[in-house]
Amino acid sequence: MKTIVTTDAANATPTTSVDEPDPTNYVLRLYVAGTTQRSTRAIVNIKKICEEHLQGHYDLQVIDIYQQPVLAGGEQIIAVPTLIKKLPPLLRRIIGDLSDHDRVLIGLDLKPTR
């Protein structure tokens, strides 16, 4: 998210406005179920993909549906692990442990489809 600080020339006081999220930043939510092997693999895999391909231009939130079931309800999670790409548009859902890196990159629009 960009924060812009400008100065009001008449009053010489700085004003701050917050723009929409930067479209180059990815907003990702990974829904997992506890500390199962599959959930742990999904967390490791998405962190690796983000560090290799997004280099700090992402916000990754890991949500355990056992600890925060209300957050999963609004997203209509039917299987876990599920990765949801909120931004940039288009919204995408990827289900599984994210071990198929090519499929994940295509789902995140980081690699063209074959």
PDB file of N, CA and C in Angstrom:
ATOM      1  N   MET A   1       0.841  -1.152   0.000  1.00  0.00           N
ATOM      2  CA  MET A   1       0.000   0.000   0.000  1.00  0.00           C
ATOM      3  C   MET A   1       0.896   1.227   0.000  1.00  0.00           C
ATOM      4  N   LYS A   2       0.594   2.179  -0.860  1.00  0.00           N
ATOM      5  CA  LYS A   2       1.381   3.398  -0.913  1.00  0.00           C
ATOM      6  C   LYS A   2       0.786   4.429   0.025  1.00  0.00           C
ATOM      7  N   THR A   3       1.633   5.148   0.728  1.00  0.00           N
ATOM      8  CA  THR A   3       1.208   6.276   1.526  1.00  0.00           C
ATOM      9  C   THR A   3       1.844   7.504   0.923  1.00  0.00           C
ATOM     10  N   ILE A   4       1.008   8.503   0.630  1.00  0.00           N
ATOM     11  CA  ILE A   4       1.510   9.719  -0.006  1.00  0.00           C
ATOM     12  C   ILE A   4       1.396  10.855   0.990  1.00  0.00           C
ATOM     13  N   VAL A   5       2.495  11.565   1.193  1.00  0.00           N
ATOM     14  CA  VAL A   5       2.505  12.724   2.071  1.00  0.00           C
ATOM     15  C   VAL A   5       2.661  13.948   1.201  1.00  0.00           C
ATOM     16  N   THR A   6       1.711  14.872   1.316  1.00  0.00           N
ATOM     17  CA  THR A   6       1.772  16.119   0.553  1.00  0.00           C
ATOM     18  C   THR A   6       1.701  17.285   1.523  1.00  0.00           C
ATOM     19  N   THR A   7       2.071  18.454   1.056  1.00  0.00           N
ATOM     20  CA  THR A   7       2.022  19.638   1.895  1.00  0.00           C
ATOM     21  C   THR A   7       0.989  20.595   1.338  1.00  0.00           C
ATOM     22  N   ASP A   8       0.086  21.038   2.194  1.00  0.00           N
ATOM     23  CA  ASP A   8      -0.918  22.008   1.822  1.00  0.00           C
ATOM     24  C   ASP A   8      -0.220  23.366   1.769  1.00  0.00           C
ATOM     25  N   ALA A   9      -0.143  23.941   0.589  1.00  0.00           N
ATOM     26  CA  ALA A   9       0.612  25.181   0.401  1.00  0.00           C
ATOM     27  C   ALA A   9       0.047  26.327   1.223  1.00  0.00           C
ATOM     28  N   ALA A  10      -1.259  26.392   1.384  1.00  0.00           N
ATOM     29  CA  ALA A  10      -1.878  27.492   2.133  1.00  0.00           C
ATOM     30  C   ALA A  10      -1.547  27.409   3.616  1.00  0.00           C
ATOM     31  N   ASN A  11      -1.557  26.239   4.174  1.00  0.00           N
ATOM     32  CA  ASN A  11      -1.323  26.083   5.612  1.00  0.00           C
ATOM     33  C   ASN A  11       0.073  25.586   5.940  1.00  0.00           C
ATOM     34  N   ALA A  12       0.808  25.136   4.948  1.00  0.00           N
ATOM     35  CA  ALA A  12       2.154  24.578   5.126  1.00  0.00           C
ATOM     36  C   ALA A  12       2.154  23.420   6.111  1.00  0.00           C
ATOM     37  N   THR A  13       1.061  22.655   6.100  1.00  0.00           N
ATOM     38  CA  THR A  13       0.993  21.486   6.970  1.00  0.00           C
ATOM     39  C   THR A  13       0.938  20.238   6.105  1.00  0.00           C
ATOM     40  N   PRO A  14       1.668  19.218   6.510  1.00  0.00           N
ATOM     41  CA  PRO A  14       1.634  17.984   5.713  1.00  0.00           C
ATOM     42  C   PRO A  14       0.307  17.251   5.895  1.00  0.00           C
ATOM     43  N   THR A  15      -0.182  16.688   4.814  1.00  0.00           N
ATOM     44  CA  THR A  15      -1.367  15.852   4.873  1.00  0.00           C
ATOM     45  C   THR A  15      -0.993  14.489   4.324  1.00  0.00           C
ATOM     46  N   THR A  16      -1.640  13.476   4.828  1.00  0.00           N
ATOM     47  CA  THR A  16      -1.326  12.114   4.415  1.00  0.00           C
ATOM     48  C   THR A  16      -2.572  11.480   3.820  1.00  0.00           C
ATOM     49  N   SER A  17      -2.387  10.808   2.689  1.00  0.00           N
ATOM     50  CA  SER A  17      -3.487  10.044   2.105  1.00  0.00           C
ATOM     51  C   SER A  17      -2.970   8.656   1.771  1.00  0.00           C
ATOM     52  N   VAL A  18      -3.860   7.696   1.843  1.00  0.00           N
ATOM     53  CA  VAL A  18      -3.485   6.323   1.559  1.00  0.00           C
ATOM     54  C   VAL A  18      -4.184   5.910   0.276  1.00  0.00           C
ATOM     55  N   ASP A  19      -3.411   5.479  -0.698  1.00  0.00           N
ATOM     56  CA  ASP A  19      -3.950   5.003  -1.971  1.00  0.00           C
ATOM     57  C   ASP A  19      -4.441   3.582  -1.839  1.00  0.00           C
ATOM     58  N   GLU A  20      -5.003   3.062  -2.916  1.00  0.00           N
ATOM     59  CA  GLU A  20      -5.361   1.660  -3.012  1.00  0.00           C
ATOM     60  C   GLU A  20      -4.082   0.828  -2.924  1.00  0.00           C
ATOM     61  N   PRO A  21      -4.181  -0.451  -2.621  1.00  0.00           N
ATOM     62  CA  PRO A  21      -2.989  -1.300  -2.596  1.00  0.00           C
ATOM     63  C   PRO A  21      -2.272  -1.266  -3.939  1.00  0.00           C
ATOM     64  N   ASP A  22      -0.965  -1.312  -3.895  1.00  0.00           N
ATOM     65  CA  ASP A  22      -0.137  -1.316  -5.091  1.00  0.00           C
ATOM     66  C   ASP A  22      -0.473  -2.549  -5.918  1.00  0.00           C
ATOM     67  N   PRO A  23      -0.827  -2.384  -7.210  1.00  0.00           N
ATOM     68  CA  PRO A  23      -1.230  -3.546  -8.001  1.00  0.00           C
ATOM     69  C   PRO A  23      -0.106  -4.543  -8.232  1.00  0.00           C
ATOM     70  N   THR A  24       1.147  -4.144  -7.975  1.00  0.00           N
ATOM     71  CA  THR A  24       2.245  -5.092  -8.123  1.00  0.00           C
ATOM     72  C   THR A  24       2.416  -5.946  -6.875  1.00  0.00           C
ATOM     73  N   ASN A  25       1.737  -5.588  -5.793  1.00  0.00           N
ATOM     74  CA  ASN A  25       1.796  -6.390  -4.576  1.00  0.00           C
ATOM     75  C   ASN A  25       0.717  -7.449  -4.595  1.00  0.00           C
ATOM     76  N   TYR A  26       1.093  -8.638  -4.180  1.00  0.00           N
ATOM     77  CA  TYR A  26       0.158  -9.750  -4.116  1.00  0.00           C
ATOM     78  C   TYR A  26      -0.386  -9.866  -2.707  1.00  0.00           C
ATOM     79  N   VAL A  27      -1.674 -10.096  -2.599  1.00  0.00           N
ATOM     80  CA  VAL A  27      -2.312 -10.355  -1.317  1.00  0.00           C
ATOM     81  C   VAL A  27      -2.794 -11.799  -1.380  1.00  0.00           C
ATOM     82  N   LEU A  28      -2.183 -12.641  -0.549  1.00  0.00           N
ATOM     83  CA  LEU A  28      -2.445 -14.077  -0.566  1.00  0.00           C
ATOM     84  C   LEU A  28      -2.911 -14.541   0.802  1.00  0.00           C
ATOM     85  N   ARG A  29      -3.882 -15.463   0.800  1.00  0.00           N
ATOM     86  CA  ARG A  29      -4.328 -16.091   2.038  1.00  0.00           C
ATOM     87  C   ARG A  29      -4.254 -17.594   1.853  1.00  0.00           C
ATOM     88  N   LEU A  30      -3.563 -18.242   2.764  1.00  0.00           N
ATOM     89  CA  LEU A  30      -3.450 -19.694   2.741  1.00  0.00           C
ATOM     90  C   LEU A  30      -4.228 -20.251   3.924  1.00  0.00           C
ATOM     91  N   TYR A  31      -5.246 -21.034   3.626  1.00  0.00           N
ATOM     92  CA  TYR A  31      -6.063 -21.676   4.654  1.00  0.00           C
ATOM     93  C   TYR A  31      -5.553 -23.090   4.866  1.00  0.00           C
ATOM     94  N   VAL A  32      -5.245 -23.424   6.113  1.00  0.00           N
ATOM     95  CA  VAL A  32      -4.720 -24.734   6.473  1.00  0.00           C
ATOM     96  C   VAL A  32      -5.544 -25.300   7.623  1.00  0.00           C
ATOM     97  N   ALA A  33      -5.345 -26.592   7.897  1.00  0.00           N
ATOM     98  CA  ALA A  33      -6.043 -27.261   8.999  1.00  0.00           C
ATOM     99  C   ALA A  33      -5.012 -27.799   9.973  1.00  0.00           C
ATOM    100  N   GLY A  34      -4.686 -27.019  10.964  1.00  0.00           N
ATOM    101  CA  GLY A  34      -3.733 -27.451  11.985  1.00  0.00           C
ATOM    102  C   GLY A  34      -2.327 -27.621  11.443  1.00  0.00           C
ATOM    103  N   THR A  35      -1.599 -28.545  12.049  1.00  0.00           N
ATOM    104  CA  THR A  35      -0.194 -28.751  11.689  1.00  0.00           C
ATOM    105  C   THR A  35       0.009 -30.094  10.997  1.00  0.00           C
ATOM    106  N   THR A  36      -0.918 -30.458  10.138  1.00  0.00           N
ATOM    107  CA  THR A  36      -0.780 -31.708   9.398  1.00  0.00           C
ATOM    108  C   THR A  36       0.400 -31.607   8.434  1.00  0.00           C
ATOM    109  N   GLN A  37       0.870 -32.747   7.955  1.00  0.00           N
ATOM    110  CA  GLN A  37       1.977 -32.732   6.983  1.00  0.00           C
ATOM    111  C   GLN A  37       1.602 -31.933   5.746  1.00  0.00           C
ATOM    112  N   ARG A  38       0.386 -32.116   5.281  1.00  0.00           N
ATOM    113  CA  ARG A  38      -0.075 -31.414   4.084  1.00  0.00           C
ATOM    114  C   ARG A  38      -0.109 -29.900   4.295  1.00  0.00           C
ATOM    115  N   SER A  39      -0.583 -29.469   5.443  1.00  0.00           N
ATOM    116  CA  SER A  39      -0.620 -28.039   5.757  1.00  0.00           C
ATOM    117  C   SER A  39       0.789 -27.468   5.866  1.00  0.00           C
ATOM    118  N   THR A  40       1.655 -28.191   6.542  1.00  0.00           N
ATOM    119  CA  THR A  40       3.037 -27.736   6.706  1.00  0.00           C
ATOM    120  C   THR A  40       3.744 -27.636   5.362  1.00  0.00           C
ATOM    121  N   ARG A  41       3.540 -28.628   4.480  1.00  0.00           N
ATOM    122  CA  ARG A  41       4.131 -28.586   3.128  1.00  0.00           C
ATOM    123  C   ARG A  41       3.619 -27.381   2.342  1.00  0.00           C
ATOM    124  N   ALA A  42       2.329 -27.098   2.456  1.00  0.00           N
ATOM    125  CA  ALA A  42       1.752 -25.968   1.737  1.00  0.00           C
ATOM    126  C   ALA A  42       2.374 -24.651   2.203  1.00  0.00           C
ATOM    127  N   ILE A  43       2.574 -24.511   3.496  1.00  0.00           N
ATOM    128  CA  ILE A  43       3.178 -23.288   4.036  1.00  0.00           C
ATOM    129  C   ILE A  43       4.606 -23.133   3.523  1.00  0.00           C
ATOM    130  N   VAL A  44       5.379 -24.189   3.612  1.00  0.00           N
ATOM    131  CA  VAL A  44       6.772 -24.146   3.139  1.00  0.00           C
ATOM    132  C   VAL A  44       6.813 -23.841   1.646  1.00  0.00           C
ATOM    133  N   ASN A  45       5.963 -24.507   0.867  1.00  0.00           N
ATOM    134  CA  ASN A  45       5.973 -24.310  -0.583  1.00  0.00           C
ATOM    135  C   ASN A  45       5.593 -22.892  -0.980  1.00  0.00           C
ATOM    136  N   ILE A  46       4.537 -22.323  -0.379  1.00  0.00           N
ATOM    137  CA  ILE A  46       4.129 -20.974  -0.790  1.00  0.00           C
ATOM    138  C   ILE A  46       5.161 -19.933  -0.352  1.00  0.00           C
ATOM    139  N   LYS A  47       5.778 -20.127   0.803  1.00  0.00           N
ATOM    140  CA  LYS A  47       6.819 -19.182   1.226  1.00  0.00           C
ATOM    141  C   LYS A  47       8.003 -19.218   0.266  1.00  0.00           C
ATOM    142  N   LYS A  48       8.380 -20.402  -0.173  1.00  0.00           N
ATOM    143  CA  LYS A  48       9.482 -20.528  -1.125  1.00  0.00           C
ATOM    144  C   LYS A  48       9.130 -19.862  -2.449  1.00  0.00           C
ATOM    145  N   ILE A  49       7.945 -20.113  -2.944  1.00  0.00           N
ATOM    146  CA  ILE A  49       7.504 -19.507  -4.205  1.00  0.00           C
ATOM    147  C   ILE A  49       7.472 -17.985  -4.087  1.00  0.00           C
ATOM    148  N   CYS A  50       6.938 -17.480  -2.999  1.00  0.00           N
ATOM    149  CA  CYS A  50       6.856 -16.027  -2.810  1.00  0.00           C
ATOM    150  C   CYS A  50       8.244 -15.394  -2.764  1.00  0.00           C
ATOM    151  N   GLU A  51       9.159 -15.991  -2.018  1.00  0.00           N
ATOM    152  CA  GLU A  51      10.503 -15.432  -1.919  1.00  0.00           C
ATOM    153  C   GLU A  51      11.247 -15.488  -3.247  1.00  0.00           C
ATOM    154  N   GLU A  52      11.045 -16.541  -4.022  1.00  0.00           N
ATOM    155  CA  GLU A  52      11.737 -16.675  -5.297  1.00  0.00           C
ATOM    156  C   GLU A  52      11.146 -15.812  -6.398  1.00  0.00           C
ATOM    157  N   HIS A  53       9.826 -15.609  -6.396  1.00  0.00           N
ATOM    158  CA  HIS A  53       9.180 -14.968  -7.531  1.00  0.00           C
ATOM    159  C   HIS A  53       8.558 -13.612  -7.235  1.00  0.00           C
ATOM    160  N   LEU A  54       8.319 -13.306  -5.979  1.00  0.00           N
ATOM    161  CA  LEU A  54       7.686 -12.027  -5.646  1.00  0.00           C
ATOM    162  C   LEU A  54       8.591 -11.098  -4.841  1.00  0.00           C
ATOM    163  N   GLN A  55       9.691 -11.591  -4.337  1.00  0.00           N
ATOM    164  CA  GLN A  55      10.730 -10.836  -3.628  1.00  0.00           C
ATOM    165  C   GLN A  55      10.225  -9.624  -2.836  1.00  0.00           C
ATOM    166  N   GLY A  56       9.392  -9.899  -1.844  1.00  0.00           N
ATOM    167  CA  GLY A  56       8.945  -8.835  -0.959  1.00  0.00           C
ATOM    168  C   GLY A  56       7.728  -8.077  -1.452  1.00  0.00           C
ATOM    169  N   HIS A  57       7.186  -8.418  -2.590  1.00  0.00           N
ATOM    170  CA  HIS A  57       6.015  -7.740  -3.122  1.00  0.00           C
ATOM    171  C   HIS A  57       4.761  -8.564  -2.864  1.00  0.00           C
ATOM    172  N   TYR A  58       4.636  -9.027  -1.628  1.00  0.00           N
ATOM    173  CA  TYR A  58       3.484  -9.849  -1.296  1.00  0.00           C
ATOM    174  C   TYR A  58       3.154  -9.720   0.181  1.00  0.00           C
ATOM    175  N   ASP A  59       1.898 -10.001   0.467  1.00  0.00           N
ATOM    176  CA  ASP A  59       1.410 -10.088   1.839  1.00  0.00           C
ATOM    177  C   ASP A  59       0.764 -11.458   1.964  1.00  0.00           C
ATOM    178  N   LEU A  60       1.389 -12.344   2.702  1.00  0.00           N
ATOM    179  CA  LEU A  60       0.907 -13.706   2.874  1.00  0.00           C
ATOM    180  C   LEU A  60       0.335 -13.858   4.273  1.00  0.00           C
ATOM    181  N   GLN A  61      -0.911 -14.304   4.331  1.00  0.00           N
ATOM    182  CA  GLN A  61      -1.565 -14.546   5.605  1.00  0.00           C
ATOM    183  C   GLN A  61      -1.901 -16.031   5.669  1.00  0.00           C
ATOM    184  N   VAL A  62      -1.429 -16.718   6.702  1.00  0.00           N
ATOM    185  CA  VAL A  62      -1.730 -18.135   6.901  1.00  0.00           C
ATOM    186  C   VAL A  62      -2.807 -18.224   7.970  1.00  0.00           C
ATOM    187  N   ILE A  63      -3.923 -18.858   7.615  1.00  0.00           N
ATOM    188  CA  ILE A  63      -5.066 -18.937   8.517  1.00  0.00           C
ATOM    189  C   ILE A  63      -5.373 -20.405   8.806  1.00  0.00           C
ATOM    190  N   ASP A  64      -5.298 -20.764  10.069  1.00  0.00           N
ATOM    191  CA  ASP A  64      -5.634 -22.115  10.513  1.00  0.00           C
ATOM    192  C   ASP A  64      -7.134 -22.144  10.784  1.00  0.00           C
ATOM    193  N   ILE A  65      -7.855 -22.943  10.007  1.00  0.00           N
ATOM    194  CA  ILE A  65      -9.317 -22.953  10.146  1.00  0.00           C
ATOM    195  C   ILE A  65      -9.771 -23.560  11.474  1.00  0.00           C
ATOM    196  N   TYR A  66      -8.909 -24.314  12.148  1.00  0.00           N
ATOM    197  CA  TYR A  66      -9.254 -24.830  13.468  1.00  0.00           C
ATOM    198  C   TYR A  66      -9.214 -23.709  14.511  1.00  0.00           C
ATOM    199  N   GLN A  67      -8.290 -22.780  14.359  1.00  0.00           N
ATOM    200  CA  GLN A  67      -8.149 -21.684  15.310  1.00  0.00           C
ATOM    201  C   GLN A  67      -9.037 -20.496  14.969  1.00  0.00           C
ATOM    202  N   GLN A  68      -9.310 -20.288  13.672  1.00  0.00           N
ATOM    203  CA  GLN A  68     -10.116 -19.141  13.243  1.00  0.00           C
ATOM    204  C   GLN A  68     -11.167 -19.582  12.219  1.00  0.00           C
ATOM    205  N   PRO A  69     -12.135 -20.404  12.625  1.00  0.00           N
ATOM    206  CA  PRO A  69     -13.116 -20.932  11.672  1.00  0.00           C
ATOM    207  C   PRO A  69     -13.991 -19.859  11.024  1.00  0.00           C
ATOM    208  N   VAL A  70     -14.207 -18.760  11.708  1.00  0.00           N
ATOM    209  CA  VAL A  70     -15.042 -17.698  11.153  1.00  0.00           C
ATOM    210  C   VAL A  70     -14.419 -17.119   9.886  1.00  0.00           C
ATOM    211  N   LEU A  71     -13.087 -16.995   9.848  1.00  0.00           N
ATOM    212  CA  LEU A  71     -12.412 -16.439   8.675  1.00  0.00           C
ATOM    213  C   LEU A  71     -12.569 -17.344   7.462  1.00  0.00           C
ATOM    214  N   ALA A  72     -12.660 -18.631   7.678  1.00  0.00           N
ATOM    215  CA  ALA A  72     -12.823 -19.568   6.567  1.00  0.00           C
ATOM    216  C   ALA A  72     -14.251 -19.570   6.038  1.00  0.00           C
ATOM    217  N   GLY A  73     -15.208 -19.300   6.891  1.00  0.00           N
ATOM    218  CA  GLY A  73     -16.606 -19.324   6.484  1.00  0.00           C
ATOM    219  C   GLY A  73     -16.925 -18.324   5.391  1.00  0.00           C
ATOM    220  N   GLY A  74     -16.410 -17.138   5.503  1.00  0.00           N
ATOM    221  CA  GLY A  74     -16.671 -16.099   4.514  1.00  0.00           C
ATOM    222  C   GLY A  74     -16.029 -16.365   3.176  1.00  0.00           C
ATOM    223  N   GLU A  75     -15.029 -17.213   3.144  1.00  0.00           N
ATOM    224  CA  GLU A  75     -14.316 -17.524   1.899  1.00  0.00           C
ATOM    225  C   GLU A  75     -14.835 -18.795   1.231  1.00  0.00           C
ATOM    226  N   GLN A  76     -15.808 -19.449   1.839  1.00  0.00           N
ATOM    227  CA  GLN A  76     -16.380 -20.681   1.300  1.00  0.00           C
ATOM    228  C   GLN A  76     -15.304 -21.744   1.046  1.00  0.00           C
ATOM    229  N   ILE A  77     -14.480 -21.982   2.051  1.00  0.00           N
ATOM    230  CA  ILE A  77     -13.419 -22.989   1.965  1.00  0.00           C
ATOM    231  C   ILE A  77     -14.058 -24.367   2.075  1.00  0.00           C
ATOM    232  N   ILE A  78     -13.823 -25.205   1.051  1.00  0.00           N
ATOM    233  CA  ILE A  78     -14.394 -26.553   1.065  1.00  0.00           C
ATOM    234  C   ILE A  78     -13.322 -27.626   1.206  1.00  0.00           C
ATOM    235  N   ALA A  79     -12.062 -27.256   1.020  1.00  0.00           N
ATOM    236  CA  ALA A  79     -10.937 -28.186   1.165  1.00  0.00           C
ATOM    237  C   ALA A  79      -9.727 -27.392   1.622  1.00  0.00           C
ATOM    238  N   VAL A  80      -8.846 -28.048   2.335  1.00  0.00           N
ATOM    239  CA  VAL A  80      -7.609 -27.399   2.774  1.00  0.00           C
ATOM    240  C   VAL A  80      -6.439 -28.309   2.467  1.00  0.00           C
ATOM    241  N   PRO A  81      -5.286 -27.746   2.229  1.00  0.00           N
ATOM    242  CA  PRO A  81      -4.974 -26.335   2.136  1.00  0.00           C
ATOM    243  C   PRO A  81      -5.580 -25.696   0.873  1.00  0.00           C
ATOM    244  N   THR A  82      -5.975 -24.428   1.020  1.00  0.00           N
ATOM    245  CA  THR A  82      -6.457 -23.624  -0.098  1.00  0.00           C
ATOM    246  C   THR A  82      -5.730 -22.288  -0.072  1.00  0.00           C
ATOM    247  N   LEU A  83      -5.142 -21.926  -1.216  1.00  0.00           N
ATOM    248  CA  LEU A  83      -4.496 -20.629  -1.370  1.00  0.00           C
ATOM    249  C   LEU A  83      -5.439 -19.751  -2.175  1.00  0.00           C
ATOM    250  N   ILE A  84      -5.711 -18.553  -1.663  1.00  0.00           N
ATOM    251  CA  ILE A  84      -6.543 -17.593  -2.383  1.00  0.00           C
ATOM    252  C   ILE A  84      -5.699 -16.377  -2.713  1.00  0.00           C
ATOM    253  N   LYS A  85      -5.657 -16.027  -3.990  1.00  0.00           N
ATOM    254  CA  LYS A  85      -4.993 -14.802  -4.440  1.00  0.00           C
ATOM    255  C   LYS A  85      -6.062 -13.725  -4.505  1.00  0.00           C
ATOM    256  N   LYS A  86      -6.004 -12.778  -3.577  1.00  0.00           N
ATOM    257  CA  LYS A  86      -6.974 -11.689  -3.517  1.00  0.00           C
ATOM    258  C   LYS A  86      -6.597 -10.572  -4.487  1.00  0.00           C
ATOM    259  N   LEU A  87      -5.341 -10.211  -4.487  1.00  0.00           N
ATOM    260  CA  LEU A  87      -4.825  -9.162  -5.367  1.00  0.00           C
ATOM    261  C   LEU A  87      -3.527  -9.637  -5.966  1.00  0.00           C
ATOM    262  N   PRO A  88      -3.153  -9.198  -7.139  1.00  0.00           N
ATOM    263  CA  PRO A  88      -3.945  -8.380  -8.062  1.00  0.00           C
ATOM    264  C   PRO A  88      -5.069  -9.207  -8.666  1.00  0.00           C
ATOM    265  N   PRO A  89      -6.074  -8.526  -9.231  1.00  0.00           N
ATOM    266  CA  PRO A  89      -7.188  -9.259  -9.851  1.00  0.00           C
ATOM    267  C   PRO A  89      -6.668 -10.181 -10.933  1.00  0.00           C
ATOM    268  N   LEU A  90      -7.247 -11.144 -11.162  1.00  0.00           N
ATOM    269  CA  LEU A  90      -8.441 -11.872 -10.864  1.00  0.00           C
ATOM    270  C   LEU A  90      -8.217 -12.749  -9.641  1.00  0.00           C
ATOM    271  N   LEU A  91      -9.301 -12.884  -8.848  1.00  0.00           N
ATOM    272  CA  LEU A  91      -9.253 -13.754  -7.682  1.00  0.00           C
ATOM    273  C   LEU A  91      -9.040 -15.186  -8.146  1.00  0.00           C
ATOM    274  N   ARG A  92      -8.108 -15.882  -7.505  1.00  0.00           N
ATOM    275  CA  ARG A  92      -7.809 -17.278  -7.850  1.00  0.00           C
ATOM    276  C   ARG A  92      -7.771 -18.125  -6.596  1.00  0.00           C
ATOM    277  N   ARG A  93      -8.130 -19.410  -6.740  1.00  0.00           N
ATOM    278  CA  ARG A  93      -8.052 -20.389  -5.654  1.00  0.00           C
ATOM    279  C   ARG A  93      -7.223 -21.567  -6.138  1.00  0.00           C
ATOM    280  N   ILE A  94      -6.293 -21.987  -5.313  1.00  0.00           N
ATOM    281  CA  ILE A  94      -5.467 -23.156  -5.618  1.00  0.00           C
ATOM    282  C   ILE A  94      -5.568 -24.085  -4.416  1.00  0.00           C
ATOM    283  N   ILE A  95      -6.005 -25.307  -4.680  1.00  0.00           N
ATOM    284  CA  ILE A  95      -6.206 -26.275  -3.604  1.00  0.00           C
ATOM    285  C   ILE A  95      -5.101 -27.319  -3.655  1.00  0.00           C
ATOM    286  N   GLY A  96      -4.570 -27.665  -2.486  1.00  0.00           N
ATOM    287  CA  GLY A  96      -3.545 -28.697  -2.395  1.00  0.00           C
ATOM    288  C   GLY A  96      -2.341 -28.203  -1.623  1.00  0.00           C
ATOM    289  N   ASP A  97      -1.285 -29.021  -1.618  1.00  0.00           N
ATOM    290  CA  ASP A  97      -0.099 -28.670  -0.830  1.00  0.00           C
ATOM    291  C   ASP A  97       0.872 -27.755  -1.580  1.00  0.00           C
ATOM    292  N   LEU A  98       0.492 -27.313  -2.779  1.00  0.00           N
ATOM    293  CA  LEU A  98       1.251 -26.338  -3.574  1.00  0.00           C
ATOM    294  C   LEU A  98       2.617 -26.860  -4.005  1.00  0.00           C
ATOM    295  N   SER A  99       2.749 -28.177  -4.080  1.00  0.00           N
ATOM    296  CA  SER A  99       4.032 -28.761  -4.477  1.00  0.00           C
ATOM    297  C   SER A  99       4.250 -28.722  -5.983  1.00  0.00           C
ATOM    298  N   ASP A 100       3.192 -28.549  -6.761  1.00  0.00           N
ATOM    299  CA  ASP A 100       3.321 -28.401  -8.215  1.00  0.00           C
ATOM    300  C   ASP A 100       3.573 -26.919  -8.493  1.00  0.00           C
ATOM    301  N   HIS A 101       4.843 -26.526  -8.425  1.00  0.00           N
ATOM    302  CA  HIS A 101       5.197 -25.111  -8.516  1.00  0.00           C
ATOM    303  C   HIS A 101       4.728 -24.481  -9.819  1.00  0.00           C
ATOM    304  N   ASP A 102       4.806 -25.207 -10.936  1.00  0.00           N
ATOM    305  CA  ASP A 102       4.347 -24.649 -12.211  1.00  0.00           C
ATOM    306  C   ASP A 102       2.860 -24.307 -12.147  1.00  0.00           C
ATOM    307  N   ARG A 103       2.071 -25.199 -11.586  1.00  0.00           N
ATOM    308  CA  ARG A 103       0.638 -24.947 -11.457  1.00  0.00           C
ATOM    309  C   ARG A 103       0.362 -23.732 -10.571  1.00  0.00           C
ATOM    310  N   VAL A 104       1.111 -23.595  -9.494  1.00  0.00           N
ATOM    311  CA  VAL A 104       0.937 -22.456  -8.587  1.00  0.00           C
ATOM    312  C   VAL A 104       1.339 -21.170  -9.304  1.00  0.00           C
ATOM    313  N   LEU A 105       2.451 -21.178 -10.022  1.00  0.00           N
ATOM    314  CA  LEU A 105       2.895 -19.977 -10.744  1.00  0.00           C
ATOM    315  C   LEU A 105       1.873 -19.562 -11.796  1.00  0.00           C
ATOM    316  N   ILE A 106       1.288 -20.526 -12.487  1.00  0.00           N
ATOM    317  CA  ILE A 106       0.244 -20.222 -13.467  1.00  0.00           C
ATOM    318  C   ILE A 106      -0.980 -19.651 -12.751  1.00  0.00           C
ATOM    319  N   GLY A 107      -1.358 -20.237 -11.626  1.00  0.00           N
ATOM    320  CA  GLY A 107      -2.495 -19.762 -10.852  1.00  0.00           C
ATOM    321  C   GLY A 107      -2.305 -18.358 -10.303  1.00  0.00           C
ATOM    322  N   LEU A 108      -1.065 -17.997 -10.034  1.00  0.00           N
ATOM    323  CA  LEU A 108      -0.753 -16.653  -9.533  1.00  0.00           C
ATOM    324  C   LEU A 108      -0.474 -15.671 -10.656  1.00  0.00           C
ATOM    325  N   ASP A 109      -0.612 -16.124 -11.895  1.00  0.00           N
ATOM    326  CA  ASP A 109      -0.326 -15.301 -13.083  1.00  0.00           C
ATOM    327  C   ASP A 109       1.130 -14.859 -13.141  1.00  0.00           C
ATOM    328  N   LEU A 110       2.021 -15.715 -12.648  1.00  0.00           N
ATOM    329  CA  LEU A 110       3.457 -15.435 -12.702  1.00  0.00           C
ATOM    330  C   LEU A 110       4.127 -16.188 -13.843  1.00  0.00           C
ATOM    331  N   LYS A 111       3.369 -17.075 -14.480  1.00  0.00           N
ATOM    332  CA  LYS A 111       3.894 -17.867 -15.587  1.00  0.00           C
ATOM    333  C   LYS A 111       2.765 -18.047 -16.587  1.00  0.00           C
ATOM    334  N   PRO A 112       3.042 -17.854 -17.871  1.00  0.00           N
ATOM    335  CA  PRO A 112       1.967 -18.021 -18.854  1.00  0.00           C
ATOM    336  C   PRO A 112       1.503 -19.469 -18.926  1.00  0.00           C
ATOM    337  N   THR A 113       0.250 -19.645 -19.304  1.00  0.00           N
ATOM    338  CA  THR A 113      -0.267 -21.004 -19.476  1.00  0.00           C
ATOM    339  C   THR A 113       0.383 -21.652 -20.672  1.00  0.00           C
ATOM    340  N   ARG A 114       0.423 -22.961 -20.653  1.00  0.00           N
ATOM    341  CA  ARG A 114       1.104 -23.702 -21.709  1.00  0.00           C
ATOM    342  C   ARG A 114       0.371 -23.649 -23.001  1.00  0.00           C
TER     343      ARG A 114
END
